[in-house]
Amino acid sequence: VCDGFHSAPIGRELGLPTSRDGRIRVDSALRVEGFA
């Protein structure tokens, strides 16, 4: 069954801000939201 990949759940497990599908939220420079 080759039905694709999803974001690794570790972002949520680390307590970082994530979207509903588990991706870590970043700004336009790929900085994690809230951390410079």
PDB file of all heavy atoms in Angstrom:
ATOM      1  N   VAL A   1       0.856  -1.184   0.000  1.00  0.00           N
ATOM      2  CA  VAL A   1       0.000   0.000   0.000  1.00  0.00           C
ATOM      3  C   VAL A   1       0.890   1.231   0.000  1.00  0.00           C
ATOM      4  O   VAL A   1       1.657   1.456   0.933  1.00  0.00           O
ATOM      5  CB  VAL A   1      -0.931   0.015   1.233  1.00  0.00           C
ATOM      6  CG1 VAL A   1      -1.824   1.257   1.198  1.00  0.00           C
ATOM      7  CG2 VAL A   1      -1.780  -1.248   1.281  1.00  0.00           C
ATOM      8  N   CYS A   2       0.800   2.015  -1.067  1.00  0.00           N
ATOM      9  CA  CYS A   2       1.617   3.227  -1.212  1.00  0.00           C
ATOM     10  C   CYS A   2       0.685   4.436  -1.241  1.00  0.00           C
ATOM     11  O   CYS A   2       0.426   4.993  -2.304  1.00  0.00           O
ATOM     12  CB  CYS A   2       2.454   3.166  -2.483  1.00  0.00           C
ATOM     13  SG  CYS A   2       3.564   1.741  -2.575  1.00  0.00           S
ATOM     14  N   ASP A   3       0.159   4.803  -0.078  1.00  0.00           N
ATOM     15  CA  ASP A   3      -0.811   5.905  -0.062  1.00  0.00           C
ATOM     16  C   ASP A   3      -0.274   7.139   0.635  1.00  0.00           C
ATOM     17  O   ASP A   3      -1.010   7.920   1.207  1.00  0.00           O
ATOM     18  CB  ASP A   3      -2.138   5.456   0.558  1.00  0.00           C
ATOM     19  CG  ASP A   3      -2.004   5.046   2.016  1.00  0.00           C
ATOM     20  OD1 ASP A   3      -0.865   4.957   2.492  1.00  0.00           O
ATOM     21  OD2 ASP A   3      -3.035   4.837   2.668  1.00  0.00           O
ATOM     22  N   GLY A   4       1.053   7.314   0.578  1.00  0.00           N
ATOM     23  CA  GLY A   4       1.618   8.592   0.951  1.00  0.00           C
ATOM     24  C   GLY A   4       2.191   8.695   2.343  1.00  0.00           C
ATOM     25  O   GLY A   4       2.098   7.781   3.160  1.00  0.00           O
ATOM     26  N   PHE A   5       2.790   9.860   2.585  1.00  0.00           N
ATOM     27  CA  PHE A   5       3.445  10.150   3.852  1.00  0.00           C
ATOM     28  C   PHE A   5       2.789  11.350   4.518  1.00  0.00           C
ATOM     29  O   PHE A   5       2.149  12.164   3.861  1.00  0.00           O
ATOM     30  CB  PHE A   5       4.930  10.462   3.630  1.00  0.00           C
ATOM     31  CG  PHE A   5       5.743   9.272   3.212  1.00  0.00           C
ATOM     32  CD1 PHE A   5       5.812   8.893   1.880  1.00  0.00           C
ATOM     33  CD2 PHE A   5       6.435   8.529   4.144  1.00  0.00           C
ATOM     34  CE1 PHE A   5       6.566   7.798   1.496  1.00  0.00           C
ATOM     35  CE2 PHE A   5       7.192   7.434   3.775  1.00  0.00           C
ATOM     36  CZ  PHE A   5       7.256   7.065   2.442  1.00  0.00           C
ATOM     37  N   HIS A   6       2.965  11.435   5.821  1.00  0.00           N
ATOM     38  CA  HIS A   6       2.459  12.570   6.595  1.00  0.00           C
ATOM     39  C   HIS A   6       3.589  13.127   7.451  1.00  0.00           C
ATOM     40  O   HIS A   6       4.644  12.513   7.595  1.00  0.00           O
ATOM     41  CB  HIS A   6       1.278  12.132   7.478  1.00  0.00           C
ATOM     42  CG  HIS A   6       0.129  11.590   6.707  1.00  0.00           C
ATOM     43  ND1 HIS A   6      -0.681  12.372   5.915  1.00  0.00           N
ATOM     44  CD2 HIS A   6      -0.364  10.328   6.593  1.00  0.00           C
ATOM     45  CE1 HIS A   6      -1.612  11.619   5.347  1.00  0.00           C
ATOM     46  NE2 HIS A   6      -1.432  10.379   5.741  1.00  0.00           N
ATOM     47  N   SER A   7       3.338  14.276   8.036  1.00  0.00           N
ATOM     48  CA  SER A   7       4.345  14.882   8.900  1.00  0.00           C
ATOM     49  C   SER A   7       4.678  13.963  10.060  1.00  0.00           C
ATOM     50  O   SER A   7       3.791  13.320  10.632  1.00  0.00           O
ATOM     51  CB  SER A   7       3.823  16.214   9.453  1.00  0.00           C
ATOM     52  OG  SER A   7       3.466  17.085   8.413  1.00  0.00           O
ATOM     53  N   ALA A   8       5.951  13.929  10.421  1.00  0.00           N
ATOM     54  CA  ALA A   8       6.351  13.153  11.586  1.00  0.00           C
ATOM     55  C   ALA A   8       5.674  13.745  12.819  1.00  0.00           C
ATOM     56  O   ALA A   8       5.617  14.965  12.984  1.00  0.00           O
ATOM     57  CB  ALA A   8       7.862  13.183  11.740  1.00  0.00           C
ATOM     58  N   PRO A   9       5.139  12.911  13.702  1.00  0.00           N
ATOM     59  CA  PRO A   9       4.396  13.420  14.866  1.00  0.00           C
ATOM     60  C   PRO A   9       5.272  14.066  15.921  1.00  0.00           C
ATOM     61  O   PRO A   9       4.762  14.648  16.876  1.00  0.00           O
ATOM     62  CB  PRO A   9       3.734  12.154  15.416  1.00  0.00           C
ATOM     63  CG  PRO A   9       4.631  11.038  15.008  1.00  0.00           C
ATOM     64  CD  PRO A   9       5.162  11.442  13.653  1.00  0.00           C
ATOM     65  N   ILE A  10       6.597  14.014  15.722  1.00  0.00           N
ATOM     66  CA  ILE A  10       7.491  14.486  16.771  1.00  0.00           C
ATOM     67  C   ILE A  10       7.339  15.977  17.055  1.00  0.00           C
ATOM     68  O   ILE A  10       7.559  16.432  18.181  1.00  0.00           O
ATOM     69  CB  ILE A  10       8.964  14.145  16.421  1.00  0.00           C
ATOM     70  CG1 ILE A  10       9.870  14.374  17.630  1.00  0.00           C
ATOM     71  CG2 ILE A  10       9.429  14.929  15.199  1.00  0.00           C
ATOM     72  CD1 ILE A  10      11.270  13.838  17.474  1.00  0.00           C
ATOM     73  N   GLY A  11       6.933  16.767  16.058  1.00  0.00           N
ATOM     74  CA  GLY A  11       6.740  18.201  16.303  1.00  0.00           C
ATOM     75  C   GLY A  11       5.723  18.446  17.400  1.00  0.00           C
ATOM     76  O   GLY A  11       5.941  19.248  18.322  1.00  0.00           O
ATOM     77  N   ARG A  12       4.614  17.744  17.337  1.00  0.00           N
ATOM     78  CA  ARG A  12       3.575  17.872  18.360  1.00  0.00           C
ATOM     79  C   ARG A  12       4.060  17.295  19.686  1.00  0.00           C
ATOM     80  O   ARG A  12       3.797  17.846  20.763  1.00  0.00           O
ATOM     81  CB  ARG A  12       2.314  17.153  17.881  1.00  0.00           C
ATOM     82  CG  ARG A  12       1.092  17.373  18.728  1.00  0.00           C
ATOM     83  CD  ARG A  12      -0.137  16.833  18.001  1.00  0.00           C
ATOM     84  NE  ARG A  12      -0.485  17.671  16.855  1.00  0.00           N
ATOM     85  CZ  ARG A  12      -1.215  17.247  15.820  1.00  0.00           C
ATOM     86  NH1 ARG A  12      -1.621  16.000  15.761  1.00  0.00           N
ATOM     87  NH2 ARG A  12      -1.497  18.078  14.825  1.00  0.00           N
ATOM     88  N   GLU A  13       4.794  16.183  19.602  1.00  0.00           N
ATOM     89  CA  GLU A  13       5.303  15.554  20.824  1.00  0.00           C
ATOM     90  C   GLU A  13       6.294  16.461  21.553  1.00  0.00           C
ATOM     91  O   GLU A  13       6.409  16.400  22.778  1.00  0.00           O
ATOM     92  CB  GLU A  13       5.968  14.217  20.473  1.00  0.00           C
ATOM     93  CG  GLU A  13       4.993  13.169  19.940  1.00  0.00           C
ATOM     94  CD  GLU A  13       5.705  11.980  19.317  1.00  0.00           C
ATOM     95  OE1 GLU A  13       6.960  11.969  19.322  1.00  0.00           O
ATOM     96  OE2 GLU A  13       5.018  11.072  18.809  1.00  0.00           O
ATOM     97  N   LEU A  14       7.004  17.304  20.808  1.00  0.00           N
ATOM     98  CA  LEU A  14       7.966  18.218  21.420  1.00  0.00           C
ATOM     99  C   LEU A  14       7.302  19.468  21.977  1.00  0.00           C
ATOM    100  O   LEU A  14       7.973  20.318  22.569  1.00  0.00           O
ATOM    101  CB  LEU A  14       9.023  18.629  20.385  1.00  0.00           C
ATOM    102  CG  LEU A  14       9.970  17.531  19.892  1.00  0.00           C
ATOM    103  CD1 LEU A  14      10.838  18.051  18.763  1.00  0.00           C
ATOM    104  CD2 LEU A  14      10.837  17.004  21.034  1.00  0.00           C
ATOM    105  N   GLY A  15       5.999  19.595  21.770  1.00  0.00           N
ATOM    106  CA  GLY A  15       5.274  20.741  22.280  1.00  0.00           C
ATOM    107  C   GLY A  15       5.383  21.987  21.426  1.00  0.00           C
ATOM    108  O   GLY A  15       5.106  23.101  21.894  1.00  0.00           O
ATOM    109  N   LEU A  16       5.774  21.802  20.162  1.00  0.00           N
ATOM    110  CA  LEU A  16       5.896  22.941  19.263  1.00  0.00           C
ATOM    111  C   LEU A  16       4.549  23.267  18.633  1.00  0.00           C
ATOM    112  O   LEU A  16       3.672  22.395  18.544  1.00  0.00           O
ATOM    113  CB  LEU A  16       6.924  22.630  18.171  1.00  0.00           C
ATOM    114  CG  LEU A  16       8.346  22.355  18.660  1.00  0.00           C
ATOM    115  CD1 LEU A  16       9.240  21.941  17.498  1.00  0.00           C
ATOM    116  CD2 LEU A  16       8.920  23.574  19.373  1.00  0.00           C
ATOM    117  N   PRO A  17       4.350  24.504  18.178  1.00  0.00           N
ATOM    118  CA  PRO A  17       3.082  24.851  17.523  1.00  0.00           C
ATOM    119  C   PRO A  17       2.927  24.089  16.208  1.00  0.00           C
ATOM    120  O   PRO A  17       3.834  24.121  15.369  1.00  0.00           O
ATOM    121  CB  PRO A  17       3.196  26.362  17.290  1.00  0.00           C
ATOM    122  CG  PRO A  17       4.668  26.648  17.291  1.00  0.00           C
ATOM    123  CD  PRO A  17       5.271  25.663  18.252  1.00  0.00           C
ATOM    124  N   THR A  18       1.822  23.403  16.048  1.00  0.00           N
ATOM    125  CA  THR A  18       1.603  22.603  14.844  1.00  0.00           C
ATOM    126  C   THR A  18       0.228  22.891  14.255  1.00  0.00           C
ATOM    127  O   THR A  18      -0.684  23.341  14.949  1.00  0.00           O
ATOM    128  CB  THR A  18       1.706  21.091  15.143  1.00  0.00           C
ATOM    129  OG1 THR A  18       0.767  20.749  16.169  1.00  0.00           O
ATOM    130  CG2 THR A  18       3.100  20.716  15.613  1.00  0.00           C
ATOM    131  N   SER A  19       0.105  22.599  12.964  1.00  0.00           N
ATOM    132  CA  SER A  19      -1.186  22.727  12.297  1.00  0.00           C
ATOM    133  C   SER A  19      -2.013  21.474  12.565  1.00  0.00           C
ATOM    134  O   SER A  19      -1.550  20.516  13.186  1.00  0.00           O
ATOM    135  CB  SER A  19      -0.972  22.919  10.791  1.00  0.00           C
ATOM    136  OG  SER A  19      -0.276  21.804  10.260  1.00  0.00           O
ATOM    137  N   ARG A  20      -3.222  21.457  12.093  1.00  0.00           N
ATOM    138  CA  ARG A  20      -4.118  20.329  12.339  1.00  0.00           C
ATOM    139  C   ARG A  20      -3.560  19.022  11.802  1.00  0.00           C
ATOM    140  O   ARG A  20      -3.768  17.960  12.378  1.00  0.00           O
ATOM    141  CB  ARG A  20      -5.488  20.616  11.707  1.00  0.00           C
ATOM    142  CG  ARG A  20      -6.532  19.552  11.993  1.00  0.00           C
ATOM    143  CD  ARG A  20      -7.878  19.940  11.403  1.00  0.00           C
ATOM    144  NE  ARG A  20      -8.379  21.185  11.989  1.00  0.00           N
ATOM    145  CZ  ARG A  20      -9.501  21.774  11.599  1.00  0.00           C
ATOM    146  NH1 ARG A  20     -10.219  21.261  10.623  1.00  0.00           N
ATOM    147  NH2 ARG A  20      -9.907  22.900  12.189  1.00  0.00           N
ATOM    148  N   ASP A  21      -2.809  19.089  10.674  1.00  0.00           N
ATOM    149  CA  ASP A  21      -2.261  17.863  10.088  1.00  0.00           C
ATOM    150  C   ASP A  21      -0.890  17.499  10.663  1.00  0.00           C
ATOM    151  O   ASP A  21      -0.231  16.591  10.172  1.00  0.00           O
ATOM    152  CB  ASP A  21      -2.188  17.973   8.565  1.00  0.00           C
ATOM    153  CG  ASP A  21      -1.246  19.086   8.100  1.00  0.00           C
ATOM    154  OD1 ASP A  21      -0.596  19.714   8.955  1.00  0.00           O
ATOM    155  OD2 ASP A  21      -1.173  19.319   6.882  1.00  0.00           O
ATOM    156  N   GLY A  22      -0.445  18.211  11.692  1.00  0.00           N
ATOM    157  CA  GLY A  22       0.780  17.830  12.384  1.00  0.00           C
ATOM    158  C   GLY A  22       2.036  18.549  11.955  1.00  0.00           C
ATOM    159  O   GLY A  22       3.091  18.350  12.551  1.00  0.00           O
ATOM    160  N   ARG A  23       1.956  19.390  10.926  1.00  0.00           N
ATOM    161  CA  ARG A  23       3.153  20.107  10.493  1.00  0.00           C
ATOM    162  C   ARG A  23       3.490  21.227  11.476  1.00  0.00           C
ATOM    163  O   ARG A  23       2.603  21.875  12.024  1.00  0.00           O
ATOM    164  CB  ARG A  23       2.947  20.698   9.097  1.00  0.00           C
ATOM    165  CG  ARG A  23       2.944  19.649   7.989  1.00  0.00           C
ATOM    166  CD  ARG A  23       2.719  20.285   6.632  1.00  0.00           C
ATOM    167  NE  ARG A  23       1.383  20.857   6.529  1.00  0.00           N
ATOM    168  CZ  ARG A  23       1.003  21.679   5.558  1.00  0.00           C
ATOM    169  NH1 ARG A  23       1.857  22.015   4.614  1.00  0.00           N
ATOM    170  NH2 ARG A  23      -0.231  22.138   5.521  1.00  0.00           N
ATOM    171  N   ILE A  24       4.785  21.433  11.678  1.00  0.00           N
ATOM    172  CA  ILE A  24       5.237  22.503  12.570  1.00  0.00           C
ATOM    173  C   ILE A  24       4.955  23.847  11.909  1.00  0.00           C
ATOM    174  O   ILE A  24       5.265  24.057  10.740  1.00  0.00           O
ATOM    175  CB  ILE A  24       6.736  22.349  12.877  1.00  0.00           C
ATOM    176  CG1 ILE A  24       6.990  21.019  13.596  1.00  0.00           C
ATOM    177  CG2 ILE A  24       7.229  23.517  13.733  1.00  0.00           C
ATOM    178  CD1 ILE A  24       8.460  20.684  13.766  1.00  0.00           C
ATOM    179  N   ARG A  25       4.383  24.769  12.667  1.00  0.00           N
ATOM    180  CA  ARG A  25       4.054  26.085  12.125  1.00  0.00           C
ATOM    181  C   ARG A  25       5.315  26.952  12.060  1.00  0.00           C
ATOM    182  O   ARG A  25       6.048  27.074  13.039  1.00  0.00           O
ATOM    183  CB  ARG A  25       3.005  26.777  12.994  1.00  0.00           C
ATOM    184  CG  ARG A  25       1.627  26.144  12.912  1.00  0.00           C
ATOM    185  CD  ARG A  25       0.593  27.020  13.595  1.00  0.00           C
ATOM    186  NE  ARG A  25      -0.738  26.478  13.461  1.00  0.00           N
ATOM    187  CZ  ARG A  25      -1.527  26.663  12.393  1.00  0.00           C
ATOM    188  NH1 ARG A  25      -1.094  27.379  11.373  1.00  0.00           N
ATOM    189  NH2 ARG A  25      -2.724  26.134  12.354  1.00  0.00           N
ATOM    190  N   VAL A  26       5.562  27.550  10.892  1.00  0.00           N
ATOM    191  CA  VAL A  26       6.735  28.400  10.687  1.00  0.00           C
ATOM    192  C   VAL A  26       6.313  29.674   9.974  1.00  0.00           C
ATOM    193  O   VAL A  26       5.233  29.757   9.388  1.00  0.00           O
ATOM    194  CB  VAL A  26       7.811  27.681   9.846  1.00  0.00           C
ATOM    195  CG1 VAL A  26       8.329  26.448  10.575  1.00  0.00           C
ATOM    196  CG2 VAL A  26       7.261  27.299   8.472  1.00  0.00           C
ATOM    197  N   ASP A  27       7.198  30.690  10.030  1.00  0.00           N
ATOM    198  CA  ASP A  27       6.941  31.909   9.276  1.00  0.00           C
ATOM    199  C   ASP A  27       7.598  31.808   7.903  1.00  0.00           C
ATOM    200  O   ASP A  27       8.072  30.739   7.504  1.00  0.00           O
ATOM    201  CB  ASP A  27       7.421  33.139  10.055  1.00  0.00           C
ATOM    202  CG  ASP A  27       8.933  33.172  10.274  1.00  0.00           C
ATOM    203  OD1 ASP A  27       9.664  32.419   9.588  1.00  0.00           O
ATOM    204  OD2 ASP A  27       9.392  33.960  11.130  1.00  0.00           O
ATOM    205  N   SER A  28       7.664  32.917   7.180  1.00  0.00           N
ATOM    206  CA  SER A  28       8.189  32.885   5.807  1.00  0.00           C
ATOM    207  C   SER A  28       9.677  32.557   5.745  1.00  0.00           C
ATOM    208  O   SER A  28      10.185  32.186   4.689  1.00  0.00           O
ATOM    209  CB  SER A  28       7.928  34.236   5.122  1.00  0.00           C
ATOM    210  OG  SER A  28       8.571  35.281   5.844  1.00  0.00           O
ATOM    211  N   ALA A  29      10.389  32.687   6.865  1.00  0.00           N
ATOM    212  CA  ALA A  29      11.813  32.339   6.917  1.00  0.00           C
ATOM    213  C   ALA A  29      12.024  30.950   7.505  1.00  0.00           C
ATOM    214  O   ALA A  29      13.162  30.574   7.795  1.00  0.00           O
ATOM    215  CB  ALA A  29      12.571  33.369   7.748  1.00  0.00           C
ATOM    216  N   LEU A  30      10.941  30.208   7.701  1.00  0.00           N
ATOM    217  CA  LEU A  30      10.956  28.855   8.272  1.00  0.00           C
ATOM    218  C   LEU A  30      11.311  28.840   9.758  1.00  0.00           C
ATOM    219  O   LEU A  30      11.662  27.793  10.302  1.00  0.00           O
ATOM    220  CB  LEU A  30      11.898  27.918   7.489  1.00  0.00           C
ATOM    221  CG  LEU A  30      11.552  27.711   6.012  1.00  0.00           C
ATOM    222  CD1 LEU A  30      12.520  26.710   5.383  1.00  0.00           C
ATOM    223  CD2 LEU A  30      10.122  27.229   5.843  1.00  0.00           C
ATOM    224  N   ARG A  31      11.200  29.989  10.431  1.00  0.00           N
ATOM    225  CA  ARG A  31      11.342  30.006  11.888  1.00  0.00           C
ATOM    226  C   ARG A  31      10.079  29.429  12.524  1.00  0.00           C
ATOM    227  O   ARG A  31       8.973  29.740  12.108  1.00  0.00           O
ATOM    228  CB  ARG A  31      11.540  31.428  12.402  1.00  0.00           C
ATOM    229  CG  ARG A  31      12.883  32.040  12.101  1.00  0.00           C
ATOM    230  CD  ARG A  31      13.017  33.413  12.774  1.00  0.00           C
ATOM    231  NE  ARG A  31      14.308  34.017  12.501  1.00  0.00           N
ATOM    232  CZ  ARG A  31      14.546  34.777  11.440  1.00  0.00           C
ATOM    233  NH1 ARG A  31      13.579  35.029  10.570  1.00  0.00           N
ATOM    234  NH2 ARG A  31      15.742  35.280  11.244  1.00  0.00           N
ATOM    235  N   VAL A  32      10.292  28.591  13.529  1.00  0.00           N
ATOM    236  CA  VAL A  32       9.152  28.064  14.268  1.00  0.00           C
ATOM    237  C   VAL A  32       8.467  29.223  14.983  1.00  0.00           C
ATOM    238  O   VAL A  32       9.135  30.068  15.605  1.00  0.00           O
ATOM    239  CB  VAL A  32       9.608  26.999  15.282  1.00  0.00           C
ATOM    240  CG1 VAL A  32       8.429  26.499  16.118  1.00  0.00           C
ATOM    241  CG2 VAL A  32      10.278  25.843  14.563  1.00  0.00           C
ATOM    242  N   GLU A  33       7.167  29.287  14.881  1.00  0.00           N
ATOM    243  CA  GLU A  33       6.415  30.391  15.472  1.00  0.00           C
ATOM    244  C   GLU A  33       6.746  30.560  16.950  1.00  0.00           C
ATOM    245  O   GLU A  33       6.672  29.611  17.726  1.00  0.00           O
ATOM    246  CB  GLU A  33       4.913  30.157  15.302  1.00  0.00           C
ATOM    247  CG  GLU A  33       4.416  30.326  13.874  1.00  0.00           C
ATOM    248  CD  GLU A  33       2.899  30.207  13.778  1.00  0.00           C
ATOM    249  OE1 GLU A  33       2.255  29.952  14.805  1.00  0.00           O
ATOM    250  OE2 GLU A  33       2.378  30.379  12.664  1.00  0.00           O
ATOM    251  N   GLY A  34       7.177  31.782  17.306  1.00  0.00           N
ATOM    252  CA  GLY A  34       7.458  32.093  18.708  1.00  0.00           C
ATOM    253  C   GLY A  34       8.910  31.894  19.108  1.00  0.00           C
ATOM    254  O   GLY A  34       9.267  32.197  20.261  1.00  0.00           O
ATOM    255  N   PHE A  35       9.765  31.407  18.191  1.00  0.00           N
ATOM    256  CA  PHE A  35      11.170  31.141  18.546  1.00  0.00           C
ATOM    257  C   PHE A  35      12.080  31.675  17.452  1.00  0.00           C
ATOM    258  O   PHE A  35      12.069  31.176  16.318  1.00  0.00           O
ATOM    259  CB  PHE A  35      11.396  29.647  18.743  1.00  0.00           C
ATOM    260  CG  PHE A  35      10.507  29.032  19.796  1.00  0.00           C
ATOM    261  CD1 PHE A  35       9.365  28.347  19.434  1.00  0.00           C
ATOM    262  CD2 PHE A  35      10.799  29.189  21.144  1.00  0.00           C
ATOM    263  CE1 PHE A  35       8.525  27.793  20.391  1.00  0.00           C
ATOM    264  CE2 PHE A  35       9.977  28.639  22.114  1.00  0.00           C
ATOM    265  CZ  PHE A  35       8.837  27.952  21.753  1.00  0.00           C
ATOM    266  N   ALA A  36      12.907  32.664  17.804  1.00  0.00           N
ATOM    267  CA  ALA A  36      13.744  33.332  16.807  1.00  0.00           C
ATOM    268  C   ALA A  36      14.895  32.489  16.313  1.00  0.00           C
ATOM    269  O   ALA A  36      15.405  32.708  15.207  1.00  0.00           O
ATOM    270  CB  ALA A  36      14.281  34.636  17.396  1.00  0.00           C
TER     271      ALA A  36
END
